[in-house]
C-alpha atoms as a PDB file:
ATOM      1  CA  MET A   1      33.686  12.848 -47.760  1.00  0.00           C
ATOM      2  CA  ALA A   2      34.221  16.841 -48.435  1.00  0.00           C
ATOM      3  CA  GLY A   3      31.109  16.913 -51.181  1.00  0.00           C
ATOM      4  CA  PHE A   4      29.138  15.074 -49.188  1.00  0.00           C
ATOM      5  CA  GLY A   5      29.454  17.513 -46.343  1.00  0.00           C
ATOM      6  CA  LEU A   6      28.628  20.262 -48.565  1.00  0.00           C
ATOM      7  CA  ASN A   7      25.637  19.032 -50.054  1.00  0.00           C
ATOM      8  CA  LEU A   8      24.636  18.333 -46.812  1.00  0.00           C
ATOM      9  CA  THR A   9      25.197  21.969 -45.737  1.00  0.00           C
ATOM     10  CA  VAL A  10      23.187  22.664 -48.782  1.00  0.00           C
ATOM     11  CA  LEU A  11      20.143  20.818 -48.199  1.00  0.00           C
ATOM     12  CA  MET A  12      20.026  22.033 -44.630  1.00  0.00           C
ATOM     13  CA  THR A  13      19.759  25.813 -45.905  1.00  0.00           C
ATOM     14  CA  ILE A  14      17.037  25.077 -48.671  1.00  0.00           C
ATOM     15  CA  MET A  15      15.210  23.534 -45.631  1.00  0.00           C
ATOM     16  CA  VAL A  16      15.597  26.444 -43.032  1.00  0.00           C
ATOM     17  CA  VAL A  17      14.734  29.261 -46.128  1.00  0.00           C
ATOM     18  CA  SER A  18      11.867  26.810 -47.079  1.00  0.00           C
ATOM     19  CA  MET A  19      10.194  27.252 -43.712  1.00  0.00           C
ATOM     20  CA  GLN A  20      10.716  30.545 -43.241  1.00  0.00           C
ATOM     21  CA  PHE A  21       9.046  30.783 -46.773  1.00  0.00           C
ATOM     22  CA  HIS A  22       6.277  28.647 -45.503  1.00  0.00           C
ATOM     23  CA  ASN A  23       5.940  30.727 -42.132  1.00  0.00           C
ATOM     24  CA  THR A  24       5.892  33.662 -44.321  1.00  0.00           C
ATOM     25  CA  ILE A  25       3.177  32.997 -46.694  1.00  0.00           C
ATOM     26  CA  ALA A  26       1.208  31.652 -43.870  1.00  0.00           C
ATOM     27  CA  GLN A  27       1.568  35.171 -42.249  1.00  0.00           C
ATOM     28  CA  THR A  28      -2.694  36.937 -42.902  1.00  0.00           C
ATOM     29  CA  ARG A  29      -2.765  40.430 -44.092  1.00  0.00           C
ATOM     30  CA  HIS A  30      -5.447  42.254 -42.877  1.00  0.00           C
ATOM     31  CA  VAL A  31      -6.715  45.490 -44.389  1.00  0.00           C
ATOM     32  CA  VAL A  32      -8.874  46.740 -41.479  1.00  0.00           C
ATOM     33  CA  GLY A  33     -12.999  47.644 -42.450  1.00  0.00           C
ATOM     34  CA  ASP A  34     -12.310  46.287 -45.880  1.00  0.00           C
ATOM     35  CA  THR A  35     -13.651  48.375 -48.546  1.00  0.00           C
ATOM     36  CA  LEU A  36     -14.389  50.739 -45.502  1.00  0.00           C
ATOM     37  CA  GLY A  37     -11.096  51.666 -44.793  1.00  0.00           C
ATOM     38  CA  TRP A  38      -9.934  53.265 -41.555  1.00  0.00           C
ATOM     39  CA  THR A  39     -12.745  56.358 -40.822  1.00  0.00           C
ATOM     40  CA  ILE A  40     -16.004  57.390 -39.009  1.00  0.00           C
ATOM     41  CA  PRO A  41     -17.968  54.262 -39.505  1.00  0.00           C
ATOM     42  CA  SER A  42     -21.945  55.347 -40.149  1.00  0.00           C
ATOM     43  CA  ASN A  43     -23.597  52.604 -38.266  1.00  0.00           C
ATOM     44  CA  GLY A  44     -20.808  53.339 -35.152  1.00  0.00           C
ATOM     45  CA  ALA A  45     -18.454  51.072 -33.621  1.00  0.00           C
ATOM     46  CA  ALA A  46     -20.669  47.708 -34.462  1.00  0.00           C
ATOM     47  CA  ALA A  47     -18.937  48.271 -37.906  1.00  0.00           C
ATOM     48  CA  TYR A  48     -15.522  47.254 -36.568  1.00  0.00           C
ATOM     49  CA  THR A  49     -17.012  45.034 -33.986  1.00  0.00           C
ATOM     50  CA  THR A  50     -18.717  42.740 -36.672  1.00  0.00           C
ATOM     51  CA  TRP A  51     -15.320  43.035 -38.565  1.00  0.00           C
ATOM     52  CA  ALA A  52     -13.216  41.882 -36.221  1.00  0.00           C
ATOM     53  CA  SER A  53     -15.404  39.157 -34.967  1.00  0.00           C
ATOM     54  CA  GLN A  54     -15.123  37.618 -39.167  1.00  0.00           C
ATOM     55  CA  GLN A  55     -11.224  37.425 -38.635  1.00  0.00           C
ATOM     56  CA  THR A  56      -8.710  35.162 -37.104  1.00  0.00           C
ATOM     57  CA  PHE A  57      -5.763  36.884 -35.494  1.00  0.00           C
ATOM     58  CA  THR A  58      -2.107  35.389 -34.889  1.00  0.00           C
ATOM     59  CA  VAL A  59       1.271  36.665 -33.725  1.00  0.00           C
ATOM     60  CA  GLY A  60       3.421  37.078 -37.224  1.00  0.00           C
ATOM     61  CA  ASP A  61      -0.064  38.787 -39.178  1.00  0.00           C
ATOM     62  CA  THR A  62      -0.345  42.671 -39.866  1.00  0.00           C
ATOM     63  CA  LEU A  63      -2.858  45.701 -39.492  1.00  0.00           C
ATOM     64  CA  VAL A  64      -3.494  47.734 -42.561  1.00  0.00           C
ATOM     65  CA  PHE A  65      -5.424  50.719 -41.756  1.00  0.00           C
ATOM     66  CA  ASN A  66      -6.002  52.751 -45.307  1.00  0.00           C
ATOM     67  CA  PHE A  67      -7.114  56.259 -44.196  1.00  0.00           C
ATOM     68  CA  ASN A  68      -6.231  59.409 -45.802  1.00  0.00           C
ATOM     69  CA  ASN A  69      -3.184  62.032 -44.602  1.00  0.00           C
ATOM     70  CA  GLY A  70      -4.500  65.024 -42.203  1.00  0.00           C
ATOM     71  CA  LEU A  71      -7.769  63.477 -41.861  1.00  0.00           C
ATOM     72  CA  HIS A  72      -7.114  60.194 -39.751  1.00  0.00           C
ATOM     73  CA  ASP A  73      -4.583  58.939 -37.302  1.00  0.00           C
ATOM     74  CA  VAL A  74      -4.421  54.777 -35.670  1.00  0.00           C
ATOM     75  CA  ALA A  75      -3.081  54.584 -32.470  1.00  0.00           C
ATOM     76  CA  GLU A  76      -2.533  51.837 -30.353  1.00  0.00           C
ATOM     77  CA  VAL A  77      -3.649  52.282 -26.558  1.00  0.00           C
ATOM     78  CA  SER A  78      -4.012  50.650 -23.558  1.00  0.00           C
ATOM     79  CA  ALA A  79      -7.035  49.147 -22.498  1.00  0.00           C
ATOM     80  CA  ALA A  80      -8.089  51.297 -19.903  1.00  0.00           C
ATOM     81  CA  ALA A  81      -7.750  54.059 -22.581  1.00  0.00           C
ATOM     82  CA  TYR A  82      -9.892  52.339 -24.875  1.00  0.00           C
ATOM     83  CA  ASP A  83     -13.190  52.903 -23.851  1.00  0.00           C
ATOM     84  CA  PRO A  84     -13.200  56.593 -22.311  1.00  0.00           C
ATOM     85  CA  CYS A  85     -11.474  57.203 -25.676  1.00  0.00           C
ATOM     86  CA  THR A  86      -8.250  58.546 -23.757  1.00  0.00           C
ATOM     87  CA  SER A  87      -5.449  59.699 -26.891  1.00  0.00           C
ATOM     88  CA  THR A  88      -2.369  60.552 -24.364  1.00  0.00           C
ATOM     89  CA  ASN A  89       0.316  58.546 -24.044  1.00  0.00           C
ATOM     90  CA  PRO A  90      -0.454  55.803 -26.871  1.00  0.00           C
ATOM     91  CA  ILE A  91       1.470  53.101 -27.182  1.00  0.00           C
ATOM     92  CA  THR A  92       2.403  53.708 -30.831  1.00  0.00           C
ATOM     93  CA  LEU A  93       0.779  56.778 -33.221  1.00  0.00           C
ATOM     94  CA  ILE A  94       0.844  56.412 -36.862  1.00  0.00           C
ATOM     95  CA  THR A  95      -0.189  59.440 -38.560  1.00  0.00           C
ATOM     96  CA  THR A  96       0.237  58.483 -42.000  1.00  0.00           C
ATOM     97  CA  GLY A  97      -1.645  55.987 -44.402  1.00  0.00           C
ATOM     98  CA  PRO A  98      -2.110  53.767 -44.907  1.00  0.00           C
ATOM     99  CA  ALA A  99       0.068  52.534 -42.047  1.00  0.00           C
ATOM    100  CA  THR A 100       0.715  48.799 -41.230  1.00  0.00           C
ATOM    101  CA  LEU A 101       1.025  47.604 -37.944  1.00  0.00           C
ATOM    102  CA  PRO A 102       2.858  44.086 -37.129  1.00  0.00           C
ATOM    103  CA  LEU A 103       0.895  41.875 -34.135  1.00  0.00           C
ATOM    104  CA  THR A 104       3.957  40.875 -32.264  1.00  0.00           C
ATOM    105  CA  THR A 105       2.491  39.472 -29.067  1.00  0.00           C
ATOM    106  CA  PRO A 106      -0.568  37.487 -28.226  1.00  0.00           C
ATOM    107  CA  GLY A 107      -3.637  38.425 -26.355  1.00  0.00           C
ATOM    108  CA  PRO A 108      -6.013  42.196 -26.960  1.00  0.00           C
ATOM    109  CA  HIS A 109      -4.771  44.790 -28.591  1.00  0.00           C
ATOM    110  CA  TYR A 110      -6.641  48.141 -29.144  1.00  0.00           C
ATOM    111  CA  TYR A 111      -6.903  51.077 -31.919  1.00  0.00           C
ATOM    112  CA  ILE A 112      -8.315  54.393 -32.191  1.00  0.00           C
ATOM    113  CA  CYS A 113      -8.126  57.686 -34.104  1.00  0.00           C
ATOM    114  CA  THR A 114      -6.993  60.162 -31.935  1.00  0.00           C
ATOM    115  CA  PHE A 115      -8.982  63.126 -34.254  1.00  0.00           C
ATOM    116  CA  THR A 116     -11.334  64.777 -32.280  1.00  0.00           C
ATOM    117  CA  SER A 117     -14.590  63.251 -31.449  1.00  0.00           C
ATOM    118  CA  HIS A 118     -13.734  60.386 -34.538  1.00  0.00           C
ATOM    119  CA  CYS A 119     -13.147  57.146 -31.075  1.00  0.00           C
ATOM    120  CA  GLN A 120     -16.717  58.577 -30.090  1.00  0.00           C
ATOM    121  CA  ILE A 121     -18.249  58.476 -33.281  1.00  0.00           C
ATOM    122  CA  GLY A 122     -17.172  55.036 -33.664  1.00  0.00           C
ATOM    123  CA  GLN A 123     -13.363  55.119 -35.617  1.00  0.00           C
ATOM    124  CA  LYS A 124     -11.917  52.448 -32.519  1.00  0.00           C
ATOM    125  CA  LEU A 125     -11.083  48.901 -33.191  1.00  0.00           C
ATOM    126  CA  ALA A 126     -10.256  46.365 -30.380  1.00  0.00           C
ATOM    127  CA  ILE A 127      -8.760  42.421 -31.730  1.00  0.00           C
ATOM    128  CA  ASN A 128      -7.769  39.286 -29.808  1.00  0.00           C
ATOM    129  CA  VAL A 129      -4.484  37.829 -31.280  1.00  0.00           C
ATOM    130  CA  SER A 130      -3.598  34.417 -30.788  1.00  0.00           C
ATOM    131  CA  ALA A 131      -0.240  32.788 -30.194  1.00  0.00           C
ATOM    132  CA  SER A 132       1.361  31.294 -33.121  1.00  0.00           C
ATOM    133  CA  THR A 133       1.051  27.866 -33.811  1.00  0.00           C
ATOM    134  CA  THR A 134       4.367  27.552 -36.305  1.00  0.00           C
ATOM    135  CA  THR A 135       7.232  25.954 -34.299  1.00  0.00           C
ATOM    136  CA  PRO A 136      10.872  27.071 -36.065  1.00  0.00           C
ATOM    137  CA  PRO A 137      12.430  23.378 -36.829  1.00  0.00           C
ATOM    138  CA  SER A 138      15.407  22.654 -34.503  1.00  0.00           C
ATOM    139  CA  THR A 139      18.997  21.812 -36.040  1.00  0.00           C
ATOM    140  CA  THR A 140      20.156  20.055 -33.154  1.00  0.00           C
ATOM    141  CA  PRO A 141      19.788  16.292 -33.321  1.00  0.00           C
ATOM    142  CA  ALA A 142      17.310  14.959 -31.300  1.00  0.00           C
ATOM    143  CA  SER A 143      19.532  12.677 -28.498  1.00  0.00           C
ATOM    144  CA  PRO A 144      18.724   9.011 -28.713  1.00  0.00           C
ATOM    145  CA  PRO A 145      16.132   7.892 -26.038  1.00  0.00           C
ATOM    146  CA  THR A 146      17.883   6.127 -23.080  1.00  0.00           C
ATOM    147  CA  THR A 147      16.710   3.274 -22.144  1.00  0.00           C
ATOM    148  CA  THR A 148      17.111   2.215 -18.551  1.00  0.00           C
ATOM    149  CA  PRO A 149      17.231  -1.804 -18.012  1.00  0.00           C
ATOM    150  CA  PRO A 150      14.778  -2.781 -15.313  1.00  0.00           C
ATOM    151  CA  PRO A 151      16.267  -3.458 -12.046  1.00  0.00           C
ATOM    152  CA  LEU A 152      17.595  -7.174 -11.488  1.00  0.00           C
ATOM    153  CA  THR A 153      15.378  -8.921  -8.928  1.00  0.00           C
ATOM    154  CA  PRO A 154      16.889 -11.035  -6.552  1.00  0.00           C
ATOM    155  CA  THR A 155      15.455 -14.932  -7.084  1.00  0.00           C
ATOM    156  CA  THR A 156      15.055 -16.600  -3.155  1.00  0.00           C
ATOM    157  CA  PRO A 157      16.269 -20.065  -3.631  1.00  0.00           C
ATOM    158  CA  THR A 158      13.078 -22.430  -2.339  1.00  0.00           C
ATOM    159  CA  SER A 159      13.301 -24.432   1.098  1.00  0.00           C
ATOM    160  CA  PRO A 160      13.762 -28.166   0.278  1.00  0.00           C
ATOM    161  CA  PRO A 161      10.137 -29.390   1.560  1.00  0.00           C
ATOM    162  CA  THR A 162      10.347 -31.087   4.896  1.00  0.00           C
ATOM    163  CA  THR A 163       9.599 -34.084   5.727  1.00  0.00           C
ATOM    164  CA  THR A 164       7.839 -35.747   8.842  1.00  0.00           C
ATOM    165  CA  PRO A 165       9.292 -39.297   9.806  1.00  0.00           C
ATOM    166  CA  THR A 166       6.404 -41.608  10.093  1.00  0.00           C
ATOM    167  CA  PRO A 167       6.275 -43.483  13.638  1.00  0.00           C
ATOM    168  CA  PRO A 168       6.118 -46.903  13.680  1.00  0.00           C
ATOM    169  CA  MET A 169       2.750 -48.173  14.171  1.00  0.00           C
ATOM    170  CA  GLU A 170       2.509 -50.586  17.734  1.00  0.00           C
ATOM    171  CA  PRO A 171       1.415 -54.457  16.924  1.00  0.00           C
ATOM    172  CA  CYS A 172      -2.170 -54.793  17.283  1.00  0.00           C
ATOM    173  CA  PRO A 173      -2.993 -57.405  20.903  1.00  0.00           C
ATOM    174  CA  PRO A 174      -4.493 -60.676  19.896  1.00  0.00           C
ATOM    175  CA  THR A 175      -7.333 -60.744  20.488  1.00  0.00           C
ATOM    176  CA  SER A 176      -7.845 -63.794  22.299  1.00  0.00           C
ATOM    177  CA  ALA A 177      -5.154 -65.582  24.069  1.00  0.00           C
ATOM    178  CA  PRO A 178      -4.048 -69.173  22.590  1.00  0.00           C
ATOM    179  CA  SER A 179      -5.527 -72.192  24.487  1.00  0.00           C
ATOM    180  CA  SER A 180      -2.553 -74.100  26.303  1.00  0.00           C
ATOM    181  CA  SER A 181      -4.533 -77.367  25.581  1.00  0.00           C
ATOM    182  CA  PRO A 182      -3.048 -79.741  23.234  1.00  0.00           C
ATOM    183  CA  LEU A 183      -5.190 -80.134  20.247  1.00  0.00           C
ATOM    184  CA  SER A 184      -7.306 -83.702  20.452  1.00  0.00           C
ATOM    185  CA  PRO A 185      -6.915 -85.586  17.258  1.00  0.00           C
ATOM    186  CA  PRO A 186      -9.849 -85.886  15.328  1.00  0.00           C
ATOM    187  CA  THR A 187     -12.314 -88.932  16.250  1.00  0.00           C
ATOM    188  CA  PHE A 188     -13.262 -90.427  12.622  1.00  0.00           C
ATOM    189  CA  THR A 189     -17.059 -92.093  13.285  1.00  0.00           C
ATOM    190  CA  THR A 190     -18.079 -94.995  11.380  1.00  0.00           C
ATOM    191  CA  GLY A 191     -21.993 -96.362  10.496  1.00  0.00           C
ATOM    192  CA  ASN A 192     -20.963 -99.691  12.893  1.00  0.00           C
ATOM    193  CA  THR A 193     -19.342 -98.972  15.746  1.00  0.00           C
ATOM    194  CA  ALA A 194     -19.165-102.493  17.539  1.00  0.00           C
ATOM    195  CA  PRO A 195     -15.237-104.040  17.245  1.00  0.00           C
ATOM    196  CA  ARG A 196     -14.069-106.809  14.477  1.00  0.00           C
ATOM    197  CA  PRO A 197     -13.927-109.965  15.850  1.00  0.00           C
ATOM    198  CA  PRO A 198     -10.312-111.701  15.402  1.00  0.00           C
ATOM    199  CA  PRO A 199      -9.463-114.042  12.909  1.00  0.00           C
ATOM    200  CA  SER A 200     -10.268-117.776  13.671  1.00  0.00           C
ATOM    201  CA  SER A 201      -6.934-119.375  14.430  1.00  0.00           C
ATOM    202  CA  GLY A 202      -8.228-122.736  13.437  1.00  0.00           C
ATOM    203  CA  ALA A 203      -8.286-123.307   9.184  1.00  0.00           C
ATOM    204  CA  PRO A 204      -4.910-122.465   7.829  1.00  0.00           C
ATOM    205  CA  SER A 205      -3.573-119.094   5.653  1.00  0.00           C
ATOM    206  CA  PHE A 206      -3.736-119.016   2.281  1.00  0.00           C
ATOM    207  CA  ALA A 207      -0.514-118.354   2.406  1.00  0.00           C
ATOM    208  CA  ALA A 208       1.022-121.039   4.387  1.00  0.00           C
ATOM    209  CA  ALA A 209      -1.068-123.574   2.228  1.00  0.00           C
ATOM    210  CA  VAL A 210       0.481-122.663  -1.124  1.00  0.00           C
ATOM    211  CA  PRO A 211       4.073-123.380  -0.600  1.00  0.00           C
ATOM    212  CA  ALA A 212       3.408-126.238   0.848  1.00  0.00           C
ATOM    213  CA  THR A 213       1.405-127.477  -1.869  1.00  0.00           C
ATOM    214  CA  PHE A 214       4.046-126.962  -4.674  1.00  0.00           C
ATOM    215  CA  PHE A 215       6.430-128.760  -2.229  1.00  0.00           C
ATOM    216  CA  THR A 216       4.468-132.238  -2.674  1.00  0.00           C
ATOM    217  CA  ILE A 217       3.787-131.418  -6.527  1.00  0.00           C
ATOM    218  CA  GLY A 218       7.602-131.283  -6.671  1.00  0.00           C
ATOM    219  CA  LEU A 219       8.074-134.413  -5.117  1.00  0.00           C
ATOM    220  CA  ALA A 220       5.200-136.355  -7.269  1.00  0.00           C
ATOM    221  CA  LEU A 221       7.348-135.559 -10.039  1.00  0.00           C
ATOM    222  CA  LEU A 222      10.775-136.249  -8.816  1.00  0.00           C
ATOM    223  CA  ASN A 223       9.635-139.956  -8.024  1.00  0.00           C
ATOM    224  CA  PHE A 224       7.734-140.544 -11.489  1.00  0.00           C
END
């Protein structure tokens, strides 16, 4: 377990040193005027104005002023002192070349030579420094994001449906009153409406003659 902690410490140290080394490499060293150096330009202040427009200045970069000692110097002055070339109360003053000035703050920076009439002739420089975009890594572990559960919404019980009873329908009254007279029996009508005559009582009926005939036959067979 101790070996693991030691390895972790060594790894973090290497990462920090690597980031610092990367930041150091990212810093730019600007040689003012390039091959012209820091001197009285032949075309006036436009020489350093053109040079500055081709550069990108960032916090952490450095300016290098190459000049001969005793012939020139470099002073950082305020904006109010830059245009009239006022050399009194400069922010910094370096009389030995080459002079290296670090850019530690963003914003405009102004530099002049304080030797007599050098600034008025054109030995002056104005630059604008942007803030550094490199952020040193943080060694503090990030806190896990806090997840807030959504608030619970109370559920409103659903009311049962309301049923309205249907009133009973009244019976419809009869459209006509029943007749109180009894129905007459149906009358059947035939083609001949005359009454049939009663049977004649003079001729004996067939039902009465048949038994008498059998009786007579029976007596005759007995006597034979």
